[in-house]
């Protein structure tokens, strides 16, 4: 609580990846795809992430909602221990 989501970055995606992701979110109010993230314990895992903008009555985006599923095992990847 009180921390930014960047705390959970795996280090596997470069700045260009995140820039393209946010460009799409801003233009289409939606993004979906695979992304490597880090758990609080430091383990890195593959997730399927969906981010959607939530608009107010005036049509302005006021929040972003994210939903994800751990797909590491479905993709056959071994979970990594704290390595980025």
PDB file of N, CA and C in Angstrom:
ATOM      1  N   UNK A   1       0.835  -1.171   0.000  1.00  0.00           N
ATOM      2  CA  UNK A   1       0.000   0.000   0.000  1.00  0.00           C
ATOM      3  C   UNK A   1       0.883   1.239   0.000  1.00  0.00           C
ATOM      4  N   UNK A   2       0.514   2.205  -0.817  1.00  0.00           N
ATOM      5  CA  UNK A   2       1.286   3.430  -0.891  1.00  0.00           C
ATOM      6  C   UNK A   2       2.505   3.347  -1.785  1.00  0.00           C
ATOM      7  N   UNK A   3       2.683   2.250  -2.474  1.00  0.00           N
ATOM      8  CA  UNK A   3       3.820   2.073  -3.379  1.00  0.00           C
ATOM      9  C   UNK A   3       3.308   1.998  -4.812  1.00  0.00           C
ATOM     10  N   UNK A   4       4.169   2.330  -5.754  1.00  0.00           N
ATOM     11  CA  UNK A   4       3.767   2.271  -7.155  1.00  0.00           C
ATOM     12  C   UNK A   4       3.919   0.848  -7.677  1.00  0.00           C
ATOM     13  N   UNK A   5       3.146   0.486  -8.722  1.00  0.00           N
ATOM     14  CA  UNK A   5       3.259  -0.860  -9.296  1.00  0.00           C
ATOM     15  C   UNK A   5       4.643  -1.165  -9.856  1.00  0.00           C
ATOM     16  N   UNK A   6       5.462  -0.138 -10.120  1.00  0.00           N
ATOM     17  CA  UNK A   6       6.797  -0.388 -10.665  1.00  0.00           C
ATOM     18  C   UNK A   6       7.665  -1.199  -9.700  1.00  0.00           C
ATOM     19  N   UNK A   7       7.290  -1.239  -8.435  1.00  0.00           N
ATOM     20  CA  UNK A   7       7.982  -2.054  -7.449  1.00  0.00           C
ATOM     21  C   UNK A   7       7.992  -3.522  -7.869  1.00  0.00           C
ATOM     22  N   UNK A   8       6.992  -3.944  -8.634  1.00  0.00           N
ATOM     23  CA  UNK A   8       6.850  -5.340  -9.027  1.00  0.00           C
ATOM     24  C   UNK A   8       7.397  -5.640 -10.422  1.00  0.00           C
ATOM     25  N   UNK A   9       8.072  -4.688 -11.042  1.00  0.00           N
ATOM     26  CA  UNK A   9       8.654  -4.929 -12.367  1.00  0.00           C
ATOM     27  C   UNK A   9       9.706  -6.022 -12.292  1.00  0.00           C
ATOM     28  N   UNK A  10       9.726  -6.859 -13.317  1.00  0.00           N
ATOM     29  CA  UNK A  10      10.676  -7.966 -13.366  1.00  0.00           C
ATOM     30  C   UNK A  10      12.030  -7.549 -13.922  1.00  0.00           C
ATOM     31  N   UNK A  11      12.055  -6.502 -14.718  1.00  0.00           N
ATOM     32  CA  UNK A  11      13.281  -6.102 -15.395  1.00  0.00           C
ATOM     33  C   UNK A  11      13.430  -6.777 -16.753  1.00  0.00           C
ATOM     34  N   UNK A  12      12.466  -7.603 -17.152  1.00  0.00           N
ATOM     35  CA  UNK A  12      12.540  -8.327 -18.425  1.00  0.00           C
ATOM     36  C   UNK A  12      12.010  -7.513 -19.605  1.00  0.00           C
ATOM     37  N   UNK A  13      11.175  -6.525 -19.356  1.00  0.00           N
ATOM     38  CA  UNK A  13      10.671  -5.658 -20.425  1.00  0.00           C
ATOM     39  C   UNK A  13      11.422  -4.332 -20.350  1.00  0.00           C
ATOM     40  N   UNK A  14      11.756  -3.789 -21.502  1.00  0.00           N
ATOM     41  CA  UNK A  14      12.476  -2.523 -21.508  1.00  0.00           C
ATOM     42  C   UNK A  14      11.507  -1.341 -21.482  1.00  0.00           C
ATOM     43  N   UNK A  15      12.069  -0.163 -21.407  1.00  0.00           N
ATOM     44  CA  UNK A  15      11.274   1.065 -21.345  1.00  0.00           C
ATOM     45  C   UNK A  15      10.366   1.205 -22.561  1.00  0.00           C
ATOM     46  N   UNK A  16      10.835   0.760 -23.725  1.00  0.00           N
ATOM     47  CA  UNK A  16      10.041   0.830 -24.952  1.00  0.00           C
ATOM     48  C   UNK A  16       8.771  -0.006 -24.869  1.00  0.00           C
ATOM     49  N   UNK A  17       8.855  -1.157 -24.212  1.00  0.00           N
ATOM     50  CA  UNK A  17       7.684  -2.007 -24.026  1.00  0.00           C
ATOM     51  C   UNK A  17       6.610  -1.259 -23.248  1.00  0.00           C
ATOM     52  N   UNK A  18       7.001  -0.674 -22.110  1.00  0.00           N
ATOM     53  CA  UNK A  18       6.039   0.039 -21.272  1.00  0.00           C
ATOM     54  C   UNK A  18       5.515   1.296 -21.966  1.00  0.00           C
ATOM     55  N   UNK A  19       6.364   1.963 -22.725  1.00  0.00           N
ATOM     56  CA  UNK A  19       5.936   3.144 -23.462  1.00  0.00           C
ATOM     57  C   UNK A  19       4.860   2.783 -24.489  1.00  0.00           C
ATOM     58  N   UNK A  20       5.080   1.695 -25.233  1.00  0.00           N
ATOM     59  CA  UNK A  20       4.097   1.247 -26.227  1.00  0.00           C
ATOM     60  C   UNK A  20       2.808   0.788 -25.548  1.00  0.00           C
ATOM     61  N   UNK A  21       2.937   0.104 -24.415  1.00  0.00           N
ATOM     62  CA  UNK A  21       1.765  -0.354 -23.683  1.00  0.00           C
ATOM     63  C   UNK A  21       0.915   0.847 -23.255  1.00  0.00           C
ATOM     64  N   UNK A  22       1.540   1.868 -22.657  1.00  0.00           N
ATOM     65  CA  UNK A  22       0.773   3.034 -22.203  1.00  0.00           C
ATOM     66  C   UNK A  22       0.249   3.877 -23.359  1.00  0.00           C
ATOM     67  N   UNK A  23       0.975   3.924 -24.472  1.00  0.00           N
ATOM     68  CA  UNK A  23       0.452   4.617 -25.661  1.00  0.00           C
ATOM     69  C   UNK A  23      -0.864   3.974 -26.092  1.00  0.00           C
ATOM     70  N   UNK A  24      -0.899   2.635 -26.105  1.00  0.00           N
ATOM     71  CA  UNK A  24      -2.125   1.939 -26.497  1.00  0.00           C
ATOM     72  C   UNK A  24      -3.235   2.159 -25.471  1.00  0.00           C
ATOM     73  N   UNK A  25      -2.897   2.104 -24.194  1.00  0.00           N
ATOM     74  CA  UNK A  25      -3.913   2.319 -23.155  1.00  0.00           C
ATOM     75  C   UNK A  25      -4.527   3.717 -23.302  1.00  0.00           C
ATOM     76  N   UNK A  26      -3.699   4.707 -23.528  1.00  0.00           N
ATOM     77  CA  UNK A  26      -4.212   6.078 -23.673  1.00  0.00           C
ATOM     78  C   UNK A  26      -5.053   6.247 -24.935  1.00  0.00           C
ATOM     79  N   UNK A  27      -4.658   5.604 -26.026  1.00  0.00           N
ATOM     80  CA  UNK A  27      -5.393   5.787 -27.279  1.00  0.00           C
ATOM     81  C   UNK A  27      -6.624   4.896 -27.393  1.00  0.00           C
ATOM     82  N   UNK A  28      -6.549   3.682 -26.837  1.00  0.00           N
ATOM     83  CA  UNK A  28      -7.654   2.733 -26.984  1.00  0.00           C
ATOM     84  C   UNK A  28      -8.346   2.415 -25.654  1.00  0.00           C
ATOM     85  N   UNK A  29      -7.835   2.995 -24.556  1.00  0.00           N
ATOM     86  CA  UNK A  29      -8.379   2.802 -23.207  1.00  0.00           C
ATOM     87  C   UNK A  29      -8.333   1.321 -22.801  1.00  0.00           C
ATOM     88  N   UNK A  30      -7.380   0.562 -23.378  1.00  0.00           N
ATOM     89  CA  UNK A  30      -7.337  -0.871 -23.139  1.00  0.00           C
ATOM     90  C   UNK A  30      -5.989  -1.426 -23.586  1.00  0.00           C
ATOM     91  N   UNK A  31      -5.467  -2.399 -22.842  1.00  0.00           N
ATOM     92  CA  UNK A  31      -4.288  -3.154 -23.254  1.00  0.00           C
ATOM     93  C   UNK A  31      -4.402  -4.555 -22.679  1.00  0.00           C
ATOM     94  N   UNK A  32      -3.924  -5.543 -23.444  1.00  0.00           N
ATOM     95  CA  UNK A  32      -3.952  -6.919 -22.991  1.00  0.00           C
ATOM     96  C   UNK A  32      -2.744  -7.639 -23.564  1.00  0.00           C
ATOM     97  N   UNK A  33      -2.064  -8.422 -22.737  1.00  0.00           N
ATOM     98  CA  UNK A  33      -0.924  -9.172 -23.235  1.00  0.00           C
ATOM     99  C   UNK A  33      -0.161  -9.870 -22.130  1.00  0.00           C
ATOM    100  N   UNK A  34       0.927 -10.535 -22.538  1.00  0.00           N
ATOM    101  CA  UNK A  34       1.799 -11.237 -21.596  1.00  0.00           C
ATOM    102  C   UNK A  34       2.850 -10.275 -21.074  1.00  0.00           C
ATOM    103  N   UNK A  35       3.134 -10.411 -19.783  1.00  0.00           N
ATOM    104  CA  UNK A  35       4.140  -9.551 -19.165  1.00  0.00           C
ATOM    105  C   UNK A  35       4.778 -10.322 -18.009  1.00  0.00           C
ATOM    106  N   UNK A  36       6.074 -10.148 -17.849  1.00  0.00           N
ATOM    107  CA  UNK A  36       6.776 -10.744 -16.714  1.00  0.00           C
ATOM    108  C   UNK A  36       6.679  -9.775 -15.547  1.00  0.00           C
ATOM    109  N   UNK A  37       6.311 -10.264 -14.369  1.00  0.00           N
ATOM    110  CA  UNK A  37       6.227  -9.439 -13.179  1.00  0.00           C
ATOM    111  C   UNK A  37       6.903 -10.140 -12.016  1.00  0.00           C
ATOM    112  N   UNK A  38       6.987  -9.409 -10.913  1.00  0.00           N
ATOM    113  CA  UNK A  38       7.660  -9.910  -9.721  1.00  0.00           C
ATOM    114  C   UNK A  38       6.666  -9.962  -8.557  1.00  0.00           C
ATOM    115  N   UNK A  39       6.688 -11.077  -7.845  1.00  0.00           N
ATOM    116  CA  UNK A  39       5.857 -11.202  -6.643  1.00  0.00           C
ATOM    117  C   UNK A  39       6.532 -10.463  -5.488  1.00  0.00           C
ATOM    118  N   UNK A  40       5.785 -10.223  -4.425  1.00  0.00           N
ATOM    119  CA  UNK A  40       6.353  -9.543  -3.255  1.00  0.00           C
ATOM    120  C   UNK A  40       7.550 -10.289  -2.685  1.00  0.00           C
ATOM    121  N   UNK A  41       7.576 -11.621  -2.828  1.00  0.00           N
ATOM    122  CA  UNK A  41       8.699 -12.408  -2.301  1.00  0.00           C
ATOM    123  C   UNK A  41       9.903 -12.411  -3.237  1.00  0.00           C
ATOM    124  N   UNK A  42       9.787 -11.731  -4.393  1.00  0.00           N
ATOM    125  CA  UNK A  42      10.907 -11.622  -5.331  1.00  0.00           C
ATOM    126  C   UNK A  42      10.854 -12.575  -6.503  1.00  0.00           C
ATOM    127  N   UNK A  43      10.002 -13.599  -6.478  1.00  0.00           N
ATOM    128  CA  UNK A  43       9.887 -14.544  -7.589  1.00  0.00           C
ATOM    129  C   UNK A  43       9.342 -13.841  -8.823  1.00  0.00           C
ATOM    130  N   UNK A  44       9.885 -14.194  -9.978  1.00  0.00           N
ATOM    131  CA  UNK A  44       9.429 -13.636 -11.251  1.00  0.00           C
ATOM    132  C   UNK A  44       8.494 -14.645 -11.904  1.00  0.00           C
ATOM    133  N   UNK A  45       7.399 -14.147 -12.469  1.00  0.00           N
ATOM    134  CA  UNK A  45       6.415 -15.026 -13.088  1.00  0.00           C
ATOM    135  C   UNK A  45       5.815 -14.354 -14.327  1.00  0.00           C
ATOM    136  N   UNK A  46       5.259 -15.182 -15.216  1.00  0.00           N
ATOM    137  CA  UNK A  46       4.619 -14.704 -16.434  1.00  0.00           C
ATOM    138  C   UNK A  46       3.126 -14.553 -16.167  1.00  0.00           C
ATOM    139  N   UNK A  47       2.583 -13.411 -16.536  1.00  0.00           N
ATOM    140  CA  UNK A  47       1.155 -13.194 -16.329  1.00  0.00           C
ATOM    141  C   UNK A  47       0.487 -12.707 -17.601  1.00  0.00           C
ATOM    142  N   UNK A  48      -0.807 -12.964 -17.698  1.00  0.00           N
ATOM    143  CA  UNK A  48      -1.667 -12.398 -18.736  1.00  0.00           C
ATOM    144  C   UNK A  48      -2.348 -11.211 -18.071  1.00  0.00           C
ATOM    145  N   UNK A  49      -2.081 -10.018 -18.582  1.00  0.00           N
ATOM    146  CA  UNK A  49      -2.538  -8.789 -17.952  1.00  0.00           C
ATOM    147  C   UNK A  49      -3.507  -8.049 -18.855  1.00  0.00           C
ATOM    148  N   UNK A  50      -4.588  -7.577 -18.272  1.00  0.00           N
ATOM    149  CA  UNK A  50      -5.548  -6.724 -18.954  1.00  0.00           C
ATOM    150  C   UNK A  50      -5.658  -5.435 -18.158  1.00  0.00           C
ATOM    151  N   UNK A  51      -5.461  -4.294 -18.817  1.00  0.00           N
ATOM    152  CA  UNK A  51      -5.606  -2.989 -18.185  1.00  0.00           C
ATOM    153  C   UNK A  51      -6.659  -2.218 -18.966  1.00  0.00           C
ATOM    154  N   UNK A  52      -7.637  -1.677 -18.244  1.00  0.00           N
ATOM    155  CA  UNK A  52      -8.707  -0.892 -18.866  1.00  0.00           C
ATOM    156  C   UNK A  52      -8.854   0.438 -18.141  1.00  0.00           C
ATOM    157  N   UNK A  53      -9.113   1.486 -18.907  1.00  0.00           N
ATOM    158  CA  UNK A  53      -9.413   2.775 -18.308  1.00  0.00           C
ATOM    159  C   UNK A  53     -10.862   2.800 -17.851  1.00  0.00           C
ATOM    160  N   UNK A  54     -11.098   3.439 -16.716  1.00  0.00           N
ATOM    161  CA  UNK A  54     -12.445   3.592 -16.181  1.00  0.00           C
ATOM    162  C   UNK A  54     -12.798   5.074 -16.296  1.00  0.00           C
ATOM    163  N   UNK A  55     -13.873   5.347 -17.017  1.00  0.00           N
ATOM    164  CA  UNK A  55     -14.244   6.740 -17.283  1.00  0.00           C
ATOM    165  C   UNK A  55     -15.333   7.229 -16.335  1.00  0.00           C
ATOM    166  N   UNK A  56     -15.344   8.538 -16.106  1.00  0.00           N
ATOM    167  CA  UNK A  56     -16.424   9.144 -15.335  1.00  0.00           C
ATOM    168  C   UNK A  56     -17.560   9.531 -16.285  1.00  0.00           C
ATOM    169  N   UNK A  57     -18.585  10.184 -15.772  1.00  0.00           N
ATOM    170  CA  UNK A  57     -19.747  10.553 -16.592  1.00  0.00           C
ATOM    171  C   UNK A  57     -19.397  11.512 -17.721  1.00  0.00           C
ATOM    172  N   UNK A  58     -18.321  12.278 -17.545  1.00  0.00           N
ATOM    173  CA  UNK A  58     -17.894  13.227 -18.580  1.00  0.00           C
ATOM    174  C   UNK A  58     -17.043  12.558 -19.658  1.00  0.00           C
ATOM    175  N   UNK A  59     -16.729  11.278 -19.466  1.00  0.00           N
ATOM    176  CA  UNK A  59     -15.927  10.549 -20.450  1.00  0.00           C
ATOM    177  C   UNK A  59     -14.432  10.630 -20.214  1.00  0.00           C
ATOM    178  N   UNK A  60     -14.028  11.196 -19.079  1.00  0.00           N
ATOM    179  CA  UNK A  60     -12.607  11.294 -18.745  1.00  0.00           C
ATOM    180  C   UNK A  60     -12.168  10.037 -17.996  1.00  0.00           C
ATOM    181  N   UNK A  61     -10.963   9.552 -18.303  1.00  0.00           N
ATOM    182  CA  UNK A  61     -10.431   8.404 -17.574  1.00  0.00           C
ATOM    183  C   UNK A  61     -10.029   8.876 -16.181  1.00  0.00           C
ATOM    184  N   UNK A  62     -10.601   8.238 -15.176  1.00  0.00           N
ATOM    185  CA  UNK A  62     -10.310   8.620 -13.793  1.00  0.00           C
ATOM    186  C   UNK A  62      -9.540   7.533 -13.046  1.00  0.00           C
ATOM    187  N   UNK A  63      -9.598   6.300 -13.529  1.00  0.00           N
ATOM    188  CA  UNK A  63      -8.893   5.178 -12.913  1.00  0.00           C
ATOM    189  C   UNK A  63      -8.449   4.213 -14.003  1.00  0.00           C
ATOM    190  N   UNK A  64      -7.496   3.377 -13.642  1.00  0.00           N
ATOM    191  CA  UNK A  64      -7.128   2.240 -14.476  1.00  0.00           C
ATOM    192  C   UNK A  64      -7.344   0.990 -13.649  1.00  0.00           C
ATOM    193  N   UNK A  65      -7.986   0.015 -14.224  1.00  0.00           N
ATOM    194  CA  UNK A  65      -8.208  -1.256 -13.550  1.00  0.00           C
ATOM    195  C   UNK A  65      -7.400  -2.325 -14.267  1.00  0.00           C
ATOM    196  N   UNK A  66      -6.694  -3.111 -13.483  1.00  0.00           N
ATOM    197  CA  UNK A  66      -5.904  -4.199 -14.040  1.00  0.00           C
ATOM    198  C   UNK A  66      -6.357  -5.530 -13.482  1.00  0.00           C
ATOM    199  N   UNK A  67      -6.354  -6.521 -14.352  1.00  0.00           N
ATOM    200  CA  UNK A  67      -6.692  -7.878 -13.966  1.00  0.00           C
ATOM    201  C   UNK A  67      -5.635  -8.796 -14.571  1.00  0.00           C
ATOM    202  N   UNK A  68      -5.143  -9.752 -13.784  1.00  0.00           N
ATOM    203  CA  UNK A  68      -4.111 -10.627 -14.326  1.00  0.00           C
ATOM    204  C   UNK A  68      -4.283 -12.052 -13.832  1.00  0.00           C
ATOM    205  N   UNK A  69      -3.659 -12.959 -14.584  1.00  0.00           N
ATOM    206  CA  UNK A  69      -3.607 -14.381 -14.220  1.00  0.00           C
ATOM    207  C   UNK A  69      -2.175 -14.855 -14.386  1.00  0.00           C
ATOM    208  N   UNK A  70      -1.693 -15.628 -13.434  1.00  0.00           N
ATOM    209  CA  UNK A  70      -0.365 -16.228 -13.519  1.00  0.00           C
ATOM    210  C   UNK A  70      -0.438 -17.363 -14.548  1.00  0.00           C
ATOM    211  N   UNK A  71       0.305 -17.216 -15.635  1.00  0.00           N
ATOM    212  CA  UNK A  71       0.282 -18.222 -16.705  1.00  0.00           C
ATOM    213  C   UNK A  71       1.633 -18.924 -16.851  1.00  0.00           C
ATOM    214  N   UNK A  72       2.487 -18.800 -15.839  1.00  0.00           N
ATOM    215  CA  UNK A  72       3.824 -19.388 -15.905  1.00  0.00           C
ATOM    216  C   UNK A  72       3.758 -20.884 -16.212  1.00  0.00           C
ATOM    217  N   UNK A  73       2.961 -21.607 -15.468  1.00  0.00           N
ATOM    218  CA  UNK A  73       2.896 -23.062 -15.650  1.00  0.00           C
ATOM    219  C   UNK A  73       2.260 -23.436 -16.981  1.00  0.00           C
ATOM    220  N   UNK A  74       1.240 -22.678 -17.406  1.00  0.00           N
ATOM    221  CA  UNK A  74       0.597 -22.982 -18.686  1.00  0.00           C
ATOM    222  C   UNK A  74       1.570 -22.797 -19.845  1.00  0.00           C
ATOM    223  N   UNK A  75       2.516 -21.873 -19.721  1.00  0.00           N
ATOM    224  CA  UNK A  75       3.491 -21.623 -20.778  1.00  0.00           C
ATOM    225  C   UNK A  75       4.713 -22.526 -20.655  1.00  0.00           C
ATOM    226  N   UNK A  76       4.785 -23.324 -19.582  1.00  0.00           N
ATOM    227  CA  UNK A  76       5.901 -24.239 -19.422  1.00  0.00           C
ATOM    228  C   UNK A  76       7.182 -23.592 -18.951  1.00  0.00           C
ATOM    229  N   UNK A  77       7.079 -22.385 -18.383  1.00  0.00           N
ATOM    230  CA  UNK A  77       8.265 -21.704 -17.865  1.00  0.00           C
ATOM    231  C   UNK A  77       8.470 -22.071 -16.405  1.00  0.00           C
ATOM    232  N   UNK A  78       9.709 -22.260 -16.040  1.00  0.00           N
ATOM    233  CA  UNK A  78      10.043 -22.482 -14.634  1.00  0.00           C
ATOM    234  C   UNK A  78      10.057 -21.105 -13.964  1.00  0.00           C
ATOM    235  N   UNK A  79       9.451 -21.004 -12.782  1.00  0.00           N
ATOM    236  CA  UNK A  79       9.486 -19.739 -12.071  1.00  0.00           C
ATOM    237  C   UNK A  79      10.918 -19.452 -11.647  1.00  0.00           C
ATOM    238  N   UNK A  80      11.322 -18.208 -11.826  1.00  0.00           N
ATOM    239  CA  UNK A  80      12.659 -17.805 -11.474  1.00  0.00           C
ATOM    240  C   UNK A  80      12.642 -17.228 -10.071  1.00  0.00           C
ATOM    241  N   UNK A  81      13.750 -17.368  -9.375  1.00  0.00           N
ATOM    242  CA  UNK A  81      13.817 -16.898  -8.002  1.00  0.00           C
ATOM    243  C   UNK A  81      14.583 -15.593  -7.925  1.00  0.00           C
ATOM    244  N   UNK A  82      13.822 -14.480  -7.973  1.00  0.00           N
ATOM    245  CA  UNK A  82      14.388 -13.165  -7.744  1.00  0.00           C
ATOM    246  C   UNK A  82      15.363 -12.661  -8.787  1.00  0.00           C
ATOM    247  N   UNK A  83      15.504 -13.341  -9.898  1.00  0.00           N
ATOM    248  CA  UNK A  83      16.433 -12.855 -10.937  1.00  0.00           C
ATOM    249  C   UNK A  83      15.659 -12.016 -11.933  1.00  0.00           C
ATOM    250  N   UNK A  84      16.257 -10.905 -12.372  1.00  0.00           N
ATOM    251  CA  UNK A  84      15.585 -10.023 -13.302  1.00  0.00           C
ATOM    252  C   UNK A  84      16.075 -10.115 -14.691  1.00  0.00           C
TER     253      UNK A  84
END
